[in-house]
Amino acid sequence: MSTATRTRSQTRAAPAPAPAPARAPGRARIPKTPAPLSAFVLHRYDWSETSVILDLFTREQGRVSVAAKGAKRPYSQLRSVLLPFQKINVSLGRAPKVDLNNPQASEVQNLRSAEWAGGAAMLTGAALFSGFYLNELLMKLMGRQDAQPALFDAYALTLPSLASKIEAQVQAALRAFELRLLHELGVLPDLSLSTLTLQAVQVDGRYSLLPEAGVGQTRGDTDVPGSVLIAIEAALQHGSLPALQQACVSALPELKTVLRGLLHYHLGSSVLRTRQVMQGLQQL
């Protein structure tokens, strides 16, 4: 072989790679289905003769509004699922486009499916009103699309405690949830420190808890023992709801008064519908 022939054979381009096999017709890529959300029904509004608008508290997305089309029809499977205080798994449609002329309507997503996720029996009697009280707090204090997984778990664990026949346990469950709610929203001060002096709360002291002043040492009738505040702060930091309920037991009357003041301050109103109904029934 001549030198010129050998040079041409060495510099010859490598063969082009084989083209990728064409995708078979009818086998388009299937989009992934979003994972279902864990949720509780907080409130429902009539939307039409056959449909409702629901406020859901979801673990993954916080509070969301969804349209349950056909949920009021007699044969709808959603009728027996979309109940308050029952944990459900829901699948939602895509988030709607923002409508600047009607922002509230832009927040509503379509409910694709809902399934019961198991749980305790339905609340009845006084426990039912206590449950609606928690729902009203969440509706008025939580923003939309603000995920609060720790608060969701606390809510799920609190509901069975409301059905207790021991009133002290019910009251401790309510106070513990109020504390957890304020803590997760970032409006509860460190209960182990005096706000003005930044000194540690003393076990044998008594302290007030005011919305604008925080923790302060006084000698009022409704002040909370320092030992209780220390135990509450430790339970909040640990994330244990049973420990938080236990810490509330020894100062239930004081905590009820103190937390009512804090909640009314952040609600911007002293009126809670469920509390009014409960007081009216007690008077009757």
Protein backbone atom coordinates (compact mmCIF):
# COMPACT_ATOMS: atom_id res chain seq x y z
CA MET A 1 0.00 0.00 0.00
CA SER A 2 1.35 3.41 -0.95
CA THR A 3 2.01 6.11 1.58
CA ALA A 4 -0.83 8.27 0.21
CA THR A 5 -3.32 5.42 0.41
CA ARG A 6 -2.29 4.60 3.99
CA THR A 7 -2.65 8.25 5.05
CA ARG A 8 -6.15 8.51 3.60
CA SER A 9 -7.29 5.34 5.40
CA GLN A 10 -5.94 6.61 8.74
CA THR A 11 -7.67 9.98 8.44
CA ARG A 12 -11.01 8.58 7.30
CA ALA A 13 -13.87 9.79 9.60
CA ALA A 14 -15.33 7.34 12.11
CA PRO A 15 -18.79 6.04 11.26
CA ALA A 16 -21.69 8.12 12.67
CA PRO A 17 -23.53 6.59 15.69
CA ALA A 18 -26.76 4.77 14.95
CA PRO A 19 -29.85 6.94 15.46
CA ALA A 20 -31.89 6.34 18.60
CA PRO A 21 -34.91 4.13 18.03
CA ALA A 22 -38.07 6.11 17.47
CA ARG A 23 -40.65 6.02 20.28
CA ALA A 24 -43.41 3.64 19.41
CA PRO A 25 -46.64 5.40 18.46
CA GLY A 26 -49.23 5.57 21.22
CA ARG A 27 -46.63 5.41 24.03
CA ALA A 28 -46.42 9.07 25.01
CA ARG A 29 -44.79 9.89 28.32
CA ILE A 30 -47.35 9.74 31.14
CA PRO A 31 -47.09 12.64 33.62
CA LYS A 32 -46.53 11.69 37.21
CA THR A 33 -49.62 11.90 39.41
CA PRO A 34 -49.05 14.17 42.44
CA ALA A 35 -49.00 12.33 45.75
CA PRO A 36 -52.23 12.65 47.76
CA LEU A 37 -52.36 15.18 50.59
CA SER A 38 -53.28 14.42 54.20
CA ALA A 39 -56.13 16.73 55.17
CA PHE A 40 -58.94 17.66 57.54
CA VAL A 41 -62.10 19.57 56.61
CA LEU A 42 -62.23 22.84 58.55
CA HIS A 43 -65.29 24.42 56.97
CA ARG A 44 -67.65 24.08 54.02
CA TYR A 45 -69.74 26.52 52.02
CA ASP A 46 -72.54 25.83 49.58
CA TRP A 47 -71.41 26.63 46.06
CA SER A 48 -74.32 25.43 43.96
CA GLU A 49 -77.18 22.94 44.20
CA THR A 50 -74.73 20.05 43.81
CA SER A 51 -71.30 21.35 44.86
CA VAL A 52 -69.50 22.84 47.87
CA ILE A 53 -66.39 24.87 48.60
CA LEU A 54 -64.19 23.36 51.32
CA ASP A 55 -61.51 24.85 53.52
CA LEU A 56 -58.99 22.06 54.07
CA PHE A 57 -56.10 21.92 56.52
CA THR A 58 -53.44 19.87 54.73
CA ARG A 59 -50.14 18.73 56.15
CA GLU A 60 -48.21 19.45 52.97
CA GLN A 61 -49.70 22.78 51.83
CA GLY A 62 -51.37 24.26 54.90
CA ARG A 63 -54.85 25.72 54.50
CA VAL A 64 -56.30 25.48 50.99
CA SER A 65 -59.71 26.06 49.40
CA VAL A 66 -61.09 23.42 47.05
CA ALA A 67 -64.23 22.97 45.00
CA ALA A 68 -65.92 19.59 45.49
CA LYS A 69 -68.11 19.31 42.42
CA GLY A 70 -71.15 17.09 42.78
CA ALA A 71 -70.46 16.41 46.47
CA LYS A 72 -74.07 17.19 47.42
CA ARG A 73 -75.59 14.68 45.02
CA PRO A 74 -77.31 11.76 46.82
CA TYR A 75 -75.17 9.16 45.08
CA SER A 76 -71.85 11.00 45.46
CA GLN A 77 -69.18 8.97 47.27
CA LEU A 78 -67.79 12.24 48.66
CA ARG A 79 -70.81 12.78 50.93
CA SER A 80 -69.61 10.20 53.45
CA VAL A 81 -65.94 11.26 53.23
CA LEU A 82 -65.89 15.06 53.44
CA LEU A 83 -66.73 15.24 57.14
CA PRO A 84 -65.12 17.38 59.85
CA PHE A 85 -62.59 15.88 62.28
CA GLN A 86 -61.92 12.88 60.01
CA LYS A 87 -58.51 12.50 58.41
CA ILE A 88 -58.71 12.09 54.64
CA ASN A 89 -56.34 11.76 51.70
CA VAL A 90 -57.13 14.13 48.86
CA SER A 91 -55.89 14.71 45.32
CA LEU A 92 -56.19 18.22 43.90
CA GLY A 93 -56.14 19.65 40.41
CA ARG A 94 -53.56 22.11 39.20
CA ALA A 95 -53.40 25.45 40.95
CA PRO A 96 -55.56 27.93 39.00
CA LYS A 97 -54.17 31.01 37.31
CA VAL A 98 -54.24 34.16 39.36
CA ASP A 99 -57.18 36.42 38.53
CA LEU A 100 -56.32 39.96 39.63
CA ASN A 101 -59.98 40.95 39.41
CA ASN A 102 -61.08 38.12 41.73
CA PRO A 103 -58.12 36.88 43.81
CA GLN A 104 -60.30 34.77 46.12
CA ALA A 105 -61.60 32.71 43.22
CA SER A 106 -58.02 32.20 42.04
CA GLU A 107 -57.20 30.38 45.28
CA VAL A 108 -59.78 27.63 44.74
CA GLN A 109 -58.55 24.31 43.35
CA ASN A 110 -60.65 21.43 42.11
CA LEU A 111 -60.94 18.36 44.31
CA ARG A 112 -60.17 15.31 42.19
CA SER A 113 -60.64 12.59 44.80
CA ALA A 114 -60.92 12.04 48.55
CA GLU A 115 -60.60 8.90 50.64
CA TRP A 116 -61.04 8.30 54.36
CA ALA A 117 -57.66 7.73 56.00
CA GLY A 118 -58.93 6.13 59.21
CA GLY A 119 -59.03 7.58 62.67
CA ALA A 120 -61.16 8.05 65.76
CA ALA A 121 -64.95 8.09 65.85
CA MET A 122 -66.88 11.28 65.12
CA LEU A 123 -66.98 13.86 67.91
CA THR A 124 -70.32 14.36 69.63
CA GLY A 125 -71.80 16.58 72.33
CA ALA A 126 -69.46 19.05 74.01
CA ALA A 127 -66.48 17.53 72.17
CA LEU A 128 -68.08 18.57 68.89
CA PHE A 129 -68.13 22.23 69.95
CA SER A 130 -64.53 21.99 71.16
CA GLY A 131 -63.53 20.63 67.77
CA PHE A 132 -65.30 23.48 65.96
CA TYR A 133 -63.52 25.90 68.29
CA LEU A 134 -60.15 24.57 67.10
CA ASN A 135 -61.30 24.82 63.49
CA GLU A 136 -62.34 28.44 63.98
CA LEU A 137 -58.94 29.31 65.44
CA LEU A 138 -57.19 27.74 62.45
CA MET A 139 -59.50 29.47 59.97
CA LYS A 140 -58.93 32.91 61.50
CA LEU A 141 -55.24 32.72 62.39
CA MET A 142 -53.64 30.63 59.64
CA GLY A 143 -52.83 32.09 56.23
CA ARG A 144 -53.41 30.13 53.05
CA GLN A 145 -50.75 27.96 51.45
CA ASP A 146 -48.59 28.05 54.59
CA ALA A 147 -47.53 24.50 55.44
CA GLN A 148 -47.51 23.77 59.19
CA PRO A 149 -46.77 20.02 59.54
CA ALA A 150 -46.10 20.19 63.30
CA LEU A 151 -49.39 22.02 63.87
CA PHE A 152 -51.22 19.52 61.64
CA ASP A 153 -49.86 16.63 63.72
CA ALA A 154 -50.84 18.41 66.95
CA TYR A 155 -54.37 18.93 65.62
CA ALA A 156 -54.69 15.26 64.67
CA LEU A 157 -53.51 14.16 68.13
CA THR A 158 -55.72 16.67 69.97
CA LEU A 159 -59.04 15.58 68.44
CA PRO A 160 -59.27 12.20 70.27
CA SER A 161 -58.48 13.93 73.59
CA LEU A 162 -61.56 16.13 73.21
CA ALA A 163 -63.78 13.07 73.63
CA SER A 164 -62.39 12.29 77.09
CA LYS A 165 -64.91 12.00 79.91
CA ILE A 166 -62.44 13.70 82.26
CA GLU A 167 -62.97 17.44 81.95
CA ALA A 168 -59.45 18.29 83.12
CA GLN A 169 -58.00 16.26 80.23
CA VAL A 170 -60.21 18.06 77.73
CA GLN A 171 -59.22 21.47 79.07
CA ALA A 172 -55.54 20.50 79.07
CA ALA A 173 -55.86 19.38 75.44
CA LEU A 174 -57.42 22.72 74.46
CA ARG A 175 -54.79 24.78 76.28
CA ALA A 176 -51.96 22.69 74.79
CA PHE A 177 -53.27 23.18 71.27
CA GLU A 178 -53.66 26.93 71.79
CA LEU A 179 -50.05 27.09 72.96
CA ARG A 180 -48.82 25.01 70.04
CA LEU A 181 -50.79 27.19 67.61
CA LEU A 182 -49.31 30.43 68.98
CA HIS A 183 -45.84 28.87 69.05
CA GLU A 184 -45.97 27.64 65.44
CA LEU A 185 -47.28 31.02 64.25
CA GLY A 186 -44.27 32.66 65.88
CA VAL A 187 -46.19 34.94 68.27
CA LEU A 188 -45.48 33.18 71.57
CA PRO A 189 -42.43 34.47 73.47
CA ASP A 190 -39.88 32.26 75.17
CA LEU A 191 -41.74 31.31 78.34
CA SER A 192 -38.55 30.46 80.21
CA LEU A 193 -37.27 34.07 80.09
CA SER A 194 -38.60 37.32 81.53
CA THR A 195 -39.09 39.56 78.49
CA LEU A 196 -37.89 42.83 80.01
CA THR A 197 -34.94 41.61 82.05
CA LEU A 198 -34.00 38.54 79.95
CA GLN A 199 -33.49 36.70 83.20
CA ALA A 200 -34.55 33.09 83.62
CA VAL A 201 -38.03 32.48 84.97
CA GLN A 202 -37.86 31.29 88.56
CA VAL A 203 -39.59 28.06 89.56
CA ASP A 204 -41.20 29.61 92.65
CA GLY A 205 -42.20 32.88 90.96
CA ARG A 206 -45.49 33.90 89.39
CA TYR A 207 -45.64 35.61 86.01
CA SER A 208 -48.04 37.41 83.72
CA LEU A 209 -48.14 36.84 79.97
CA LEU A 210 -49.30 39.87 78.01
CA PRO A 211 -49.49 40.27 74.21
CA GLU A 212 -47.39 43.44 74.10
CA ALA A 213 -45.20 42.97 77.19
CA GLY A 214 -44.45 39.24 77.08
CA VAL A 215 -43.47 37.42 80.26
CA GLY A 216 -43.31 39.63 83.35
CA GLN A 217 -43.15 38.95 87.07
CA THR A 218 -46.19 40.16 89.01
CA ARG A 219 -48.51 38.99 91.79
CA GLY A 220 -51.90 38.92 90.12
CA ASP A 221 -54.57 36.32 90.73
CA THR A 222 -54.38 35.02 87.17
CA ASP A 223 -50.60 34.84 86.91
CA VAL A 224 -49.01 31.54 85.97
CA PRO A 225 -46.47 29.74 88.22
CA GLY A 226 -42.93 29.87 86.92
CA SER A 227 -42.62 26.10 87.19
CA VAL A 228 -45.54 25.73 84.74
CA LEU A 229 -44.05 28.17 82.23
CA ILE A 230 -40.72 26.36 82.34
CA ALA A 231 -42.39 22.98 81.79
CA ILE A 232 -44.49 24.37 78.91
CA GLU A 233 -41.46 25.86 77.16
CA ALA A 234 -39.54 22.59 77.51
CA ALA A 235 -42.47 20.63 76.02
CA LEU A 236 -42.81 23.10 73.14
CA GLN A 237 -39.13 22.82 72.28
CA HIS A 238 -39.24 19.03 72.53
CA GLY A 239 -42.37 18.84 70.39
CA SER A 240 -44.18 16.41 72.70
CA LEU A 241 -47.92 17.09 72.82
CA PRO A 242 -48.58 14.70 75.77
CA ALA A 243 -45.86 16.49 77.76
CA LEU A 244 -47.40 19.83 76.85
CA GLN A 245 -50.84 18.70 77.98
CA GLN A 246 -49.40 17.41 81.25
CA ALA A 247 -47.62 20.72 81.86
CA CYS A 248 -50.94 22.57 81.54
CA VAL A 249 -52.86 20.43 84.04
CA SER A 250 -51.62 22.15 87.19
CA ALA A 251 -52.62 25.68 86.07
CA LEU A 252 -55.71 25.27 83.90
CA PRO A 253 -57.73 28.29 85.18
CA GLU A 254 -54.76 30.67 84.92
CA LEU A 255 -53.76 29.45 81.47
CA LYS A 256 -57.31 29.74 80.17
CA THR A 257 -57.47 33.43 81.10
CA VAL A 258 -53.95 34.21 79.85
CA LEU A 259 -54.31 32.41 76.53
CA ARG A 260 -57.74 33.91 75.88
CA GLY A 261 -56.15 37.36 76.10
CA LEU A 262 -53.34 36.39 73.71
CA LEU A 263 -55.71 34.84 71.19
CA HIS A 264 -58.11 37.78 71.21
CA TYR A 265 -55.19 40.14 70.67
CA HIS A 266 -53.96 38.30 67.60
CA LEU A 267 -57.46 37.66 66.29
CA GLY A 268 -58.21 41.38 66.46
CA SER A 269 -61.57 40.58 68.04
CA SER A 270 -62.92 39.14 71.28
CA VAL A 271 -65.76 37.33 69.51
CA LEU A 272 -65.51 33.65 68.60
CA ARG A 273 -68.69 32.13 67.22
CA THR A 274 -68.18 28.69 68.72
CA ARG A 275 -67.45 30.13 72.16
CA GLN A 276 -70.66 32.18 72.02
CA VAL A 277 -72.67 29.09 71.11
CA MET A 278 -71.09 27.05 73.92
CA GLN A 279 -71.80 29.77 76.48
CA GLY A 280 -75.39 30.03 75.30
CA LEU A 281 -75.91 26.29 75.68
CA GLN A 282 -74.38 26.32 79.16
CA GLN A 283 -76.81 29.06 80.21
CA LEU A 284 -79.74 27.02 78.91
